[in-house]
N, C-alpha and C. Protein backbone atom coordinates (compact mmCIF):
# COMPACT_ATOMS: atom_id res chain seq x y z
N MET A 1 87.77 26.37 -18.18
CA MET A 1 86.73 25.36 -18.32
C MET A 1 86.46 24.75 -16.94
N SER A 2 85.20 24.63 -16.60
CA SER A 2 84.81 24.12 -15.28
C SER A 2 84.62 22.60 -15.32
N PRO A 3 84.60 21.98 -14.14
CA PRO A 3 84.33 20.54 -14.10
C PRO A 3 83.00 20.16 -14.74
N THR A 4 81.99 21.01 -14.64
CA THR A 4 80.71 20.69 -15.27
C THR A 4 80.82 20.73 -16.80
N ASP A 5 81.69 21.59 -17.33
CA ASP A 5 81.93 21.59 -18.78
C ASP A 5 82.60 20.28 -19.20
N ALA A 6 83.50 19.81 -18.37
CA ALA A 6 84.18 18.54 -18.65
C ALA A 6 83.18 17.40 -18.68
N ILE A 7 82.27 17.41 -17.72
CA ILE A 7 81.24 16.36 -17.67
C ILE A 7 80.35 16.44 -18.90
N ALA A 8 80.01 17.63 -19.33
CA ALA A 8 79.18 17.80 -20.53
C ALA A 8 79.90 17.26 -21.76
N ASP A 9 81.23 17.44 -21.82
CA ASP A 9 82.00 16.92 -22.96
C ASP A 9 82.01 15.39 -22.98
N MET A 10 81.80 14.79 -21.82
CA MET A 10 81.81 13.32 -21.72
C MET A 10 80.43 12.71 -21.96
N LEU A 11 79.42 13.54 -22.14
CA LEU A 11 78.05 13.05 -22.23
C LEU A 11 77.82 12.15 -23.46
N ALA A 12 78.30 12.54 -24.62
CA ALA A 12 78.07 11.73 -25.83
C ALA A 12 78.64 10.32 -25.70
N PRO A 13 79.91 10.17 -25.24
CA PRO A 13 80.40 8.79 -25.07
C PRO A 13 79.60 8.00 -24.05
N VAL A 14 79.14 8.65 -22.99
CA VAL A 14 78.35 7.95 -21.97
C VAL A 14 77.04 7.46 -22.56
N ILE A 15 76.40 8.28 -23.39
CA ILE A 15 75.15 7.87 -24.03
C ILE A 15 75.41 6.70 -24.98
N LEU A 16 76.51 6.75 -25.72
CA LEU A 16 76.85 5.65 -26.62
C LEU A 16 77.18 4.37 -25.85
N ILE A 17 77.79 4.51 -24.69
CA ILE A 17 78.05 3.32 -23.85
C ILE A 17 76.72 2.72 -23.40
N SER A 18 75.78 3.56 -23.01
CA SER A 18 74.46 3.06 -22.59
C SER A 18 73.75 2.35 -23.73
N ALA A 19 73.82 2.94 -24.92
CA ALA A 19 73.21 2.29 -26.10
C ALA A 19 73.88 0.95 -26.38
N GLY A 20 75.20 0.90 -26.26
CA GLY A 20 75.92 -0.35 -26.47
C GLY A 20 75.55 -1.40 -25.45
N TRP A 21 75.36 -0.96 -24.21
CA TRP A 21 74.96 -1.89 -23.15
C TRP A 21 73.60 -2.51 -23.46
N LEU A 22 72.65 -1.68 -23.90
CA LEU A 22 71.32 -2.21 -24.26
C LEU A 22 71.42 -3.18 -25.43
N PHE A 23 72.22 -2.81 -26.43
CA PHE A 23 72.40 -3.67 -27.60
C PHE A 23 73.05 -4.99 -27.19
N ALA A 24 74.09 -4.93 -26.35
CA ALA A 24 74.76 -6.15 -25.89
C ALA A 24 73.80 -7.05 -25.12
N ASN A 25 72.92 -6.46 -24.29
CA ASN A 25 71.95 -7.27 -23.56
C ASN A 25 71.00 -7.98 -24.52
N GLY A 26 70.57 -7.29 -25.58
CA GLY A 26 69.74 -7.93 -26.59
C GLY A 26 70.46 -9.07 -27.28
N LEU A 27 71.74 -8.86 -27.58
CA LEU A 27 72.53 -9.92 -28.21
C LEU A 27 72.69 -11.11 -27.28
N LEU A 28 72.91 -10.84 -26.00
CA LEU A 28 73.05 -11.94 -25.04
C LEU A 28 71.75 -12.72 -24.89
N ALA A 29 70.60 -12.03 -24.98
CA ALA A 29 69.31 -12.73 -24.94
C ALA A 29 69.15 -13.61 -26.18
N ALA A 30 69.54 -13.09 -27.34
CA ALA A 30 69.47 -13.89 -28.57
C ALA A 30 70.42 -15.08 -28.49
N ASP A 31 71.59 -14.88 -27.90
CA ASP A 31 72.55 -15.96 -27.73
C ASP A 31 71.98 -17.05 -26.82
N THR A 32 71.33 -16.63 -25.74
CA THR A 32 70.72 -17.59 -24.82
C THR A 32 69.63 -18.40 -25.51
N ALA A 33 68.79 -17.72 -26.29
CA ALA A 33 67.72 -18.43 -27.01
C ALA A 33 68.30 -19.40 -28.03
N SER A 34 69.34 -18.98 -28.74
CA SER A 34 69.96 -19.85 -29.74
C SER A 34 70.65 -21.04 -29.08
N SER A 35 71.31 -20.80 -27.97
CA SER A 35 71.96 -21.89 -27.26
C SER A 35 70.94 -22.89 -26.74
N LYS A 36 69.81 -22.39 -26.27
CA LYS A 36 68.74 -23.26 -25.80
C LYS A 36 68.21 -24.11 -26.97
N ARG A 37 68.05 -23.47 -28.12
CA ARG A 37 67.56 -24.19 -29.31
C ARG A 37 68.56 -25.29 -29.71
N LEU A 38 69.85 -24.99 -29.67
CA LEU A 38 70.86 -25.98 -30.00
C LEU A 38 70.82 -27.13 -29.01
N HIS A 39 70.66 -26.82 -27.75
CA HIS A 39 70.56 -27.85 -26.72
C HIS A 39 69.34 -28.75 -26.98
N GLU A 40 68.20 -28.14 -27.33
CA GLU A 40 66.99 -28.91 -27.61
C GLU A 40 67.17 -29.81 -28.83
N LEU A 41 67.84 -29.30 -29.86
CA LEU A 41 68.10 -30.12 -31.05
C LEU A 41 68.98 -31.31 -30.69
N ASN A 42 69.99 -31.09 -29.86
CA ASN A 42 70.87 -32.19 -29.45
C ASN A 42 70.12 -33.23 -28.62
N ILE A 43 69.26 -32.78 -27.73
CA ILE A 43 68.46 -33.71 -26.93
C ILE A 43 67.51 -34.49 -27.83
N ASP A 44 66.88 -33.79 -28.78
CA ASP A 44 65.97 -34.43 -29.72
C ASP A 44 66.71 -35.49 -30.54
N ARG A 45 67.91 -35.16 -31.00
CA ARG A 45 68.70 -36.11 -31.79
C ARG A 45 69.02 -37.36 -30.98
N LEU A 46 69.44 -37.16 -29.72
CA LEU A 46 69.76 -38.30 -28.87
C LEU A 46 68.52 -39.16 -28.60
N SER A 47 67.37 -38.53 -28.40
CA SER A 47 66.16 -39.30 -28.13
C SER A 47 65.73 -40.11 -29.36
N LEU A 48 65.99 -39.61 -30.55
CA LEU A 48 65.64 -40.34 -31.76
C LEU A 48 66.56 -41.54 -31.98
N LEU A 49 67.74 -41.50 -31.40
CA LEU A 49 68.69 -42.60 -31.55
C LEU A 49 68.68 -43.56 -30.36
N ASP A 50 67.71 -43.38 -29.46
CA ASP A 50 67.58 -44.24 -28.29
C ASP A 50 66.75 -45.46 -28.67
N GLY A 51 67.36 -46.63 -28.56
CA GLY A 51 66.67 -47.87 -28.91
C GLY A 51 65.73 -48.33 -27.81
N PRO A 52 64.94 -49.38 -28.08
CA PRO A 52 63.96 -49.86 -27.11
C PRO A 52 64.58 -50.31 -25.79
N GLY A 53 65.75 -50.88 -25.81
CA GLY A 53 66.38 -51.35 -24.58
C GLY A 53 67.40 -50.36 -24.03
N GLY A 54 67.40 -49.14 -24.55
CA GLY A 54 68.34 -48.14 -24.10
C GLY A 54 69.63 -48.12 -24.92
N GLU A 55 69.73 -49.06 -25.89
CA GLU A 55 70.94 -49.08 -26.71
C GLU A 55 70.85 -47.98 -27.78
N LYS A 56 72.01 -47.61 -28.31
CA LYS A 56 72.05 -46.57 -29.34
C LYS A 56 71.70 -47.19 -30.69
N VAL A 57 70.75 -46.57 -31.36
CA VAL A 57 70.36 -47.00 -32.70
C VAL A 57 71.17 -46.19 -33.69
N THR A 58 71.70 -46.84 -34.71
CA THR A 58 72.43 -46.10 -35.74
C THR A 58 71.43 -45.40 -36.66
N ASP A 59 71.90 -44.39 -37.36
CA ASP A 59 71.03 -43.66 -38.29
C ASP A 59 70.38 -44.61 -39.29
N ASN A 60 71.11 -45.66 -39.71
CA ASN A 60 70.59 -46.60 -40.71
C ASN A 60 69.44 -47.45 -40.18
N ARG A 61 69.44 -47.73 -38.88
CA ARG A 61 68.41 -48.60 -38.30
C ARG A 61 67.23 -47.81 -37.74
N ALA A 62 67.30 -46.50 -37.79
CA ALA A 62 66.20 -45.68 -37.28
C ALA A 62 65.00 -45.79 -38.21
N SER A 63 63.81 -45.55 -37.67
CA SER A 63 62.60 -45.58 -38.49
C SER A 63 62.65 -44.44 -39.51
N ASP A 64 61.81 -44.57 -40.54
CA ASP A 64 61.80 -43.55 -41.60
C ASP A 64 61.49 -42.16 -41.05
N ILE A 65 60.52 -42.09 -40.15
CA ILE A 65 60.14 -40.78 -39.60
C ILE A 65 61.28 -40.22 -38.75
N ASN A 66 61.98 -41.10 -38.01
CA ASN A 66 63.13 -40.64 -37.23
C ASN A 66 64.29 -40.22 -38.13
N LYS A 67 64.47 -40.93 -39.24
CA LYS A 67 65.51 -40.54 -40.21
C LYS A 67 65.20 -39.15 -40.78
N ALA A 68 63.93 -38.90 -41.06
CA ALA A 68 63.54 -37.59 -41.60
C ALA A 68 63.80 -36.50 -40.58
N ARG A 69 63.46 -36.77 -39.32
CA ARG A 69 63.71 -35.77 -38.27
C ARG A 69 65.20 -35.57 -38.05
N LEU A 70 65.98 -36.66 -38.09
CA LEU A 70 67.43 -36.55 -37.95
C LEU A 70 68.03 -35.70 -39.08
N GLU A 71 67.48 -35.87 -40.27
CA GLU A 71 67.94 -35.06 -41.40
C GLU A 71 67.66 -33.57 -41.16
N LEU A 72 66.48 -33.27 -40.64
CA LEU A 72 66.15 -31.88 -40.30
C LEU A 72 67.12 -31.33 -39.25
N ILE A 73 67.37 -32.13 -38.23
CA ILE A 73 68.26 -31.70 -37.16
C ILE A 73 69.67 -31.49 -37.70
N ASP A 74 70.15 -32.42 -38.51
CA ASP A 74 71.50 -32.31 -39.06
C ASP A 74 71.65 -31.07 -39.94
N HIS A 75 70.56 -30.65 -40.57
CA HIS A 75 70.61 -29.43 -41.37
C HIS A 75 70.56 -28.18 -40.48
N GLN A 76 69.80 -28.25 -39.40
CA GLN A 76 69.61 -27.08 -38.55
C GLN A 76 70.79 -26.79 -37.63
N VAL A 77 71.44 -27.81 -37.13
CA VAL A 77 72.51 -27.62 -36.14
C VAL A 77 73.60 -26.67 -36.66
N PRO A 78 74.13 -26.86 -37.87
CA PRO A 78 75.15 -25.90 -38.33
C PRO A 78 74.61 -24.48 -38.48
N LEU A 79 73.34 -24.34 -38.84
CA LEU A 79 72.75 -23.00 -38.96
C LEU A 79 72.65 -22.32 -37.60
N VAL A 80 72.22 -23.07 -36.60
CA VAL A 80 72.12 -22.51 -35.25
C VAL A 80 73.50 -22.18 -34.71
N MET A 81 74.47 -23.05 -34.98
CA MET A 81 75.83 -22.79 -34.51
C MET A 81 76.41 -21.54 -35.19
N ALA A 82 76.11 -21.35 -36.47
CA ALA A 82 76.57 -20.15 -37.17
C ALA A 82 75.92 -18.91 -36.57
N ARG A 83 74.66 -19.03 -36.19
CA ARG A 83 73.97 -17.90 -35.55
C ARG A 83 74.63 -17.56 -34.22
N ILE A 84 74.95 -18.56 -33.44
CA ILE A 84 75.60 -18.34 -32.15
C ILE A 84 76.95 -17.66 -32.36
N ARG A 85 77.74 -18.12 -33.34
CA ARG A 85 79.03 -17.49 -33.62
C ARG A 85 78.86 -16.04 -34.06
N GLY A 86 77.87 -15.78 -34.92
CA GLY A 86 77.63 -14.40 -35.38
C GLY A 86 77.21 -13.49 -34.25
N ILE A 87 76.35 -13.98 -33.37
CA ILE A 87 75.91 -13.19 -32.22
C ILE A 87 77.10 -12.91 -31.31
N ARG A 88 77.92 -13.94 -31.08
CA ARG A 88 79.11 -13.76 -30.25
C ARG A 88 80.03 -12.70 -30.85
N ASP A 89 80.26 -12.76 -32.16
CA ASP A 89 81.13 -11.79 -32.82
C ASP A 89 80.57 -10.38 -32.71
N ALA A 90 79.26 -10.23 -32.89
CA ALA A 90 78.63 -8.91 -32.76
C ALA A 90 78.77 -8.40 -31.33
N CYS A 91 78.60 -9.28 -30.37
CA CYS A 91 78.71 -8.89 -28.96
C CYS A 91 80.15 -8.45 -28.64
N VAL A 92 81.13 -9.16 -29.15
CA VAL A 92 82.53 -8.78 -28.94
C VAL A 92 82.79 -7.39 -29.54
N LEU A 93 82.25 -7.13 -30.73
CA LEU A 93 82.41 -5.81 -31.33
C LEU A 93 81.79 -4.71 -30.46
N VAL A 94 80.63 -4.97 -29.91
CA VAL A 94 79.99 -3.99 -29.03
C VAL A 94 80.85 -3.73 -27.80
N TYR A 95 81.39 -4.79 -27.21
CA TYR A 95 82.24 -4.61 -26.03
C TYR A 95 83.52 -3.83 -26.37
N ILE A 96 84.10 -4.10 -27.53
CA ILE A 96 85.27 -3.33 -27.96
C ILE A 96 84.90 -1.86 -28.11
N ALA A 97 83.77 -1.59 -28.74
CA ALA A 97 83.32 -0.20 -28.92
C ALA A 97 83.11 0.47 -27.56
N MET A 98 82.49 -0.24 -26.64
CA MET A 98 82.26 0.33 -25.31
C MET A 98 83.59 0.60 -24.61
N GLY A 99 84.56 -0.28 -24.78
CA GLY A 99 85.88 -0.06 -24.20
C GLY A 99 86.55 1.18 -24.77
N LEU A 100 86.43 1.37 -26.08
CA LEU A 100 86.99 2.58 -26.71
C LEU A 100 86.29 3.83 -26.20
N LEU A 101 84.99 3.74 -25.97
CA LEU A 101 84.25 4.90 -25.45
C LEU A 101 84.68 5.23 -24.02
N VAL A 102 84.91 4.21 -23.22
CA VAL A 102 85.41 4.45 -21.86
C VAL A 102 86.79 5.10 -21.94
N LEU A 103 87.63 4.59 -22.82
CA LEU A 103 88.95 5.18 -23.01
C LEU A 103 88.85 6.63 -23.48
N SER A 104 87.88 6.91 -24.35
CA SER A 104 87.72 8.30 -24.83
C SER A 104 87.33 9.23 -23.68
N ILE A 105 86.53 8.75 -22.75
CA ILE A 105 86.16 9.56 -21.59
C ILE A 105 87.41 9.89 -20.76
N ILE A 106 88.27 8.90 -20.60
CA ILE A 106 89.52 9.13 -19.85
C ILE A 106 90.39 10.16 -20.58
N VAL A 107 90.47 10.04 -21.89
CA VAL A 107 91.29 10.99 -22.67
C VAL A 107 90.67 12.39 -22.61
N ILE A 108 89.35 12.48 -22.66
CA ILE A 108 88.68 13.79 -22.52
C ILE A 108 89.03 14.39 -21.17
N ALA A 109 88.97 13.58 -20.13
CA ALA A 109 89.29 14.07 -18.79
C ALA A 109 90.73 14.55 -18.71
N ALA A 110 91.63 13.88 -19.43
CA ALA A 110 93.04 14.30 -19.43
C ALA A 110 93.25 15.55 -20.29
N ALA A 111 92.46 15.72 -21.33
CA ALA A 111 92.64 16.84 -22.26
C ALA A 111 92.16 18.16 -21.69
N ILE A 112 91.15 18.13 -20.86
CA ILE A 112 90.50 19.36 -20.41
C ILE A 112 91.40 20.23 -19.51
N PRO A 113 92.03 19.70 -18.48
CA PRO A 113 92.83 20.59 -17.62
C PRO A 113 93.97 21.29 -18.36
N GLY A 114 94.63 20.58 -19.25
CA GLY A 114 95.74 21.17 -19.99
C GLY A 114 95.33 21.82 -21.29
N ARG A 115 94.04 21.79 -21.59
CA ARG A 115 93.51 22.33 -22.85
C ARG A 115 94.31 21.80 -24.05
N SER A 116 94.54 20.49 -24.03
CA SER A 116 95.33 19.84 -25.07
C SER A 116 94.47 19.51 -26.28
N MET A 117 94.80 20.15 -27.39
CA MET A 117 94.09 19.87 -28.65
C MET A 117 94.41 18.46 -29.14
N ALA A 118 95.65 18.03 -28.94
CA ALA A 118 96.05 16.70 -29.40
C ALA A 118 95.23 15.63 -28.68
N LEU A 119 95.09 15.76 -27.36
CA LEU A 119 94.28 14.79 -26.62
C LEU A 119 92.81 14.90 -27.00
N GLY A 120 92.35 16.11 -27.27
CA GLY A 120 90.96 16.31 -27.70
C GLY A 120 90.68 15.59 -29.01
N TYR A 121 91.62 15.72 -29.97
CA TYR A 121 91.45 15.02 -31.25
C TYR A 121 91.58 13.51 -31.08
N ALA A 122 92.46 13.09 -30.17
CA ALA A 122 92.59 11.65 -29.90
C ALA A 122 91.28 11.11 -29.34
N ALA A 123 90.65 11.86 -28.42
CA ALA A 123 89.37 11.43 -27.85
C ALA A 123 88.31 11.36 -28.95
N LEU A 124 88.30 12.37 -29.82
CA LEU A 124 87.34 12.36 -30.92
C LEU A 124 87.56 11.16 -31.83
N ALA A 125 88.82 10.84 -32.12
CA ALA A 125 89.14 9.68 -32.96
C ALA A 125 88.65 8.39 -32.30
N LEU A 126 88.83 8.29 -30.97
CA LEU A 126 88.36 7.10 -30.26
C LEU A 126 86.84 6.97 -30.35
N VAL A 127 86.13 8.09 -30.20
CA VAL A 127 84.66 8.06 -30.29
C VAL A 127 84.23 7.66 -31.70
N VAL A 128 84.87 8.23 -32.71
CA VAL A 128 84.50 7.89 -34.09
C VAL A 128 84.77 6.41 -34.37
N CYS A 129 85.92 5.90 -33.93
CA CYS A 129 86.22 4.47 -34.11
C CYS A 129 85.18 3.60 -33.40
N ALA A 130 84.81 3.99 -32.20
CA ALA A 130 83.82 3.22 -31.44
C ALA A 130 82.47 3.21 -32.14
N VAL A 131 82.07 4.35 -32.69
CA VAL A 131 80.79 4.41 -33.41
C VAL A 131 80.83 3.53 -34.65
N ILE A 132 81.94 3.55 -35.37
CA ILE A 132 82.07 2.70 -36.56
C ILE A 132 82.01 1.23 -36.17
N ILE A 133 82.67 0.86 -35.09
CA ILE A 133 82.66 -0.54 -34.63
C ILE A 133 81.25 -0.93 -34.17
N GLN A 134 80.56 -0.02 -33.47
CA GLN A 134 79.19 -0.33 -33.06
C GLN A 134 78.29 -0.51 -34.28
N PHE A 135 78.50 0.31 -35.30
CA PHE A 135 77.71 0.16 -36.53
C PHE A 135 78.01 -1.18 -37.20
N ALA A 136 79.28 -1.58 -37.20
CA ALA A 136 79.64 -2.90 -37.75
C ALA A 136 78.93 -4.01 -36.98
N ALA A 137 78.83 -3.87 -35.66
CA ALA A 137 78.13 -4.87 -34.84
C ALA A 137 76.65 -4.91 -35.21
N ILE A 138 76.06 -3.75 -35.46
CA ILE A 138 74.64 -3.71 -35.85
C ILE A 138 74.45 -4.40 -37.19
N VAL A 139 75.34 -4.14 -38.15
CA VAL A 139 75.25 -4.78 -39.46
C VAL A 139 75.40 -6.29 -39.32
N LEU A 140 76.38 -6.73 -38.54
CA LEU A 140 76.60 -8.16 -38.33
C LEU A 140 75.39 -8.81 -37.67
N ALA A 141 74.85 -8.18 -36.62
CA ALA A 141 73.69 -8.75 -35.92
C ALA A 141 72.48 -8.81 -36.86
N THR A 142 72.30 -7.79 -37.68
CA THR A 142 71.18 -7.80 -38.64
C THR A 142 71.34 -8.94 -39.63
N ARG A 143 72.56 -9.12 -40.12
CA ARG A 143 72.82 -10.21 -41.07
C ARG A 143 72.55 -11.57 -40.42
N VAL A 144 72.97 -11.72 -39.17
CA VAL A 144 72.74 -12.98 -38.45
C VAL A 144 71.25 -13.23 -38.27
N MET A 145 70.50 -12.21 -37.90
CA MET A 145 69.06 -12.38 -37.67
C MET A 145 68.32 -12.71 -38.97
N VAL A 146 68.72 -12.07 -40.06
CA VAL A 146 68.07 -12.36 -41.35
C VAL A 146 68.36 -13.80 -41.77
N ARG A 147 69.60 -14.22 -41.61
CA ARG A 147 69.97 -15.58 -42.02
C ARG A 147 69.40 -16.64 -41.09
N SER A 148 69.15 -16.28 -39.82
CA SER A 148 68.64 -17.27 -38.87
C SER A 148 67.22 -17.70 -39.21
N ALA A 149 66.51 -16.88 -39.94
CA ALA A 149 65.16 -17.27 -40.36
C ALA A 149 65.20 -18.49 -41.27
N ASP A 150 66.35 -18.72 -41.93
CA ASP A 150 66.50 -19.88 -42.80
C ASP A 150 66.32 -21.18 -42.04
N THR A 151 66.73 -21.21 -40.78
CA THR A 151 66.61 -22.43 -39.98
C THR A 151 65.15 -22.84 -39.83
N LEU A 152 64.33 -21.89 -39.42
CA LEU A 152 62.91 -22.19 -39.21
C LEU A 152 62.19 -22.41 -40.53
N THR A 153 62.54 -21.63 -41.54
CA THR A 153 61.91 -21.80 -42.85
C THR A 153 62.18 -23.18 -43.40
N TYR A 154 63.43 -23.64 -43.28
CA TYR A 154 63.78 -24.96 -43.77
C TYR A 154 62.99 -26.04 -43.04
N GLU A 155 62.93 -25.94 -41.71
CA GLU A 155 62.22 -26.96 -40.94
C GLU A 155 60.75 -27.02 -41.32
N THR A 156 60.12 -25.86 -41.43
CA THR A 156 58.70 -25.82 -41.76
C THR A 156 58.45 -26.34 -43.16
N THR A 157 59.23 -25.88 -44.12
CA THR A 157 59.05 -26.31 -45.51
C THR A 157 59.30 -27.81 -45.65
N HIS A 158 60.38 -28.28 -45.05
CA HIS A 158 60.72 -29.69 -45.17
C HIS A 158 59.70 -30.57 -44.45
N SER A 159 59.20 -30.12 -43.31
CA SER A 159 58.18 -30.89 -42.59
C SER A 159 56.90 -30.98 -43.41
N ASP A 160 56.54 -29.89 -44.07
CA ASP A 160 55.36 -29.91 -44.94
C ASP A 160 55.55 -30.89 -46.09
N ASP A 161 56.75 -30.91 -46.68
CA ASP A 161 57.03 -31.82 -47.80
C ASP A 161 56.92 -33.27 -47.38
N LEU A 162 57.33 -33.58 -46.15
CA LEU A 162 57.31 -34.97 -45.67
C LEU A 162 55.98 -35.35 -45.03
N GLY A 163 55.12 -34.35 -44.84
CA GLY A 163 53.85 -34.62 -44.17
C GLY A 163 54.02 -34.79 -42.68
N LEU A 164 55.13 -34.27 -42.13
CA LEU A 164 55.36 -34.36 -40.69
C LEU A 164 54.59 -33.27 -39.98
N PRO A 165 54.16 -33.53 -38.76
CA PRO A 165 53.51 -32.46 -37.99
C PRO A 165 54.53 -31.38 -37.66
N ILE A 166 54.12 -30.13 -37.70
CA ILE A 166 54.99 -29.03 -37.35
C ILE A 166 55.04 -28.93 -35.84
N ARG A 167 56.28 -29.02 -35.29
CA ARG A 167 56.47 -29.03 -33.84
C ARG A 167 56.73 -27.62 -33.37
N SER A 168 56.25 -27.31 -32.18
CA SER A 168 56.52 -25.98 -31.61
C SER A 168 57.57 -26.06 -30.55
């Protein structure tokens, strides 16, 4: 077996690593957007509790419209935090899968010179485990994205019920 054959045997894990890298970048972008949204909700909450002289207004002393907005924020914050945790978990799974794929490339490189079937099967097992983990990350990310729509749906529906303007 030539070195070019060895490189060809490593091609599938390399392609899967590239796919994982693209997926992880998408997850990191979603994490950034969710973190920004959480930051905006926290700033909005603090501004609603800012009194005329700069003192902190309690939820009980806030105006009715501010109480309604605070209620929306209090409902949304846990949803956004759950989304951030889910995205983080999916990203960790992708990184674990990519690590297993890198390890499989090393095992393939070790298996080829000695024509070791045991190392070849070990490399195959690592690739299969990595693909399963990457699929689990895709399922988790899909679940997070589907559930994250609940945050915006709740805000829009509740704002309509209260007659509040829909904020962008």
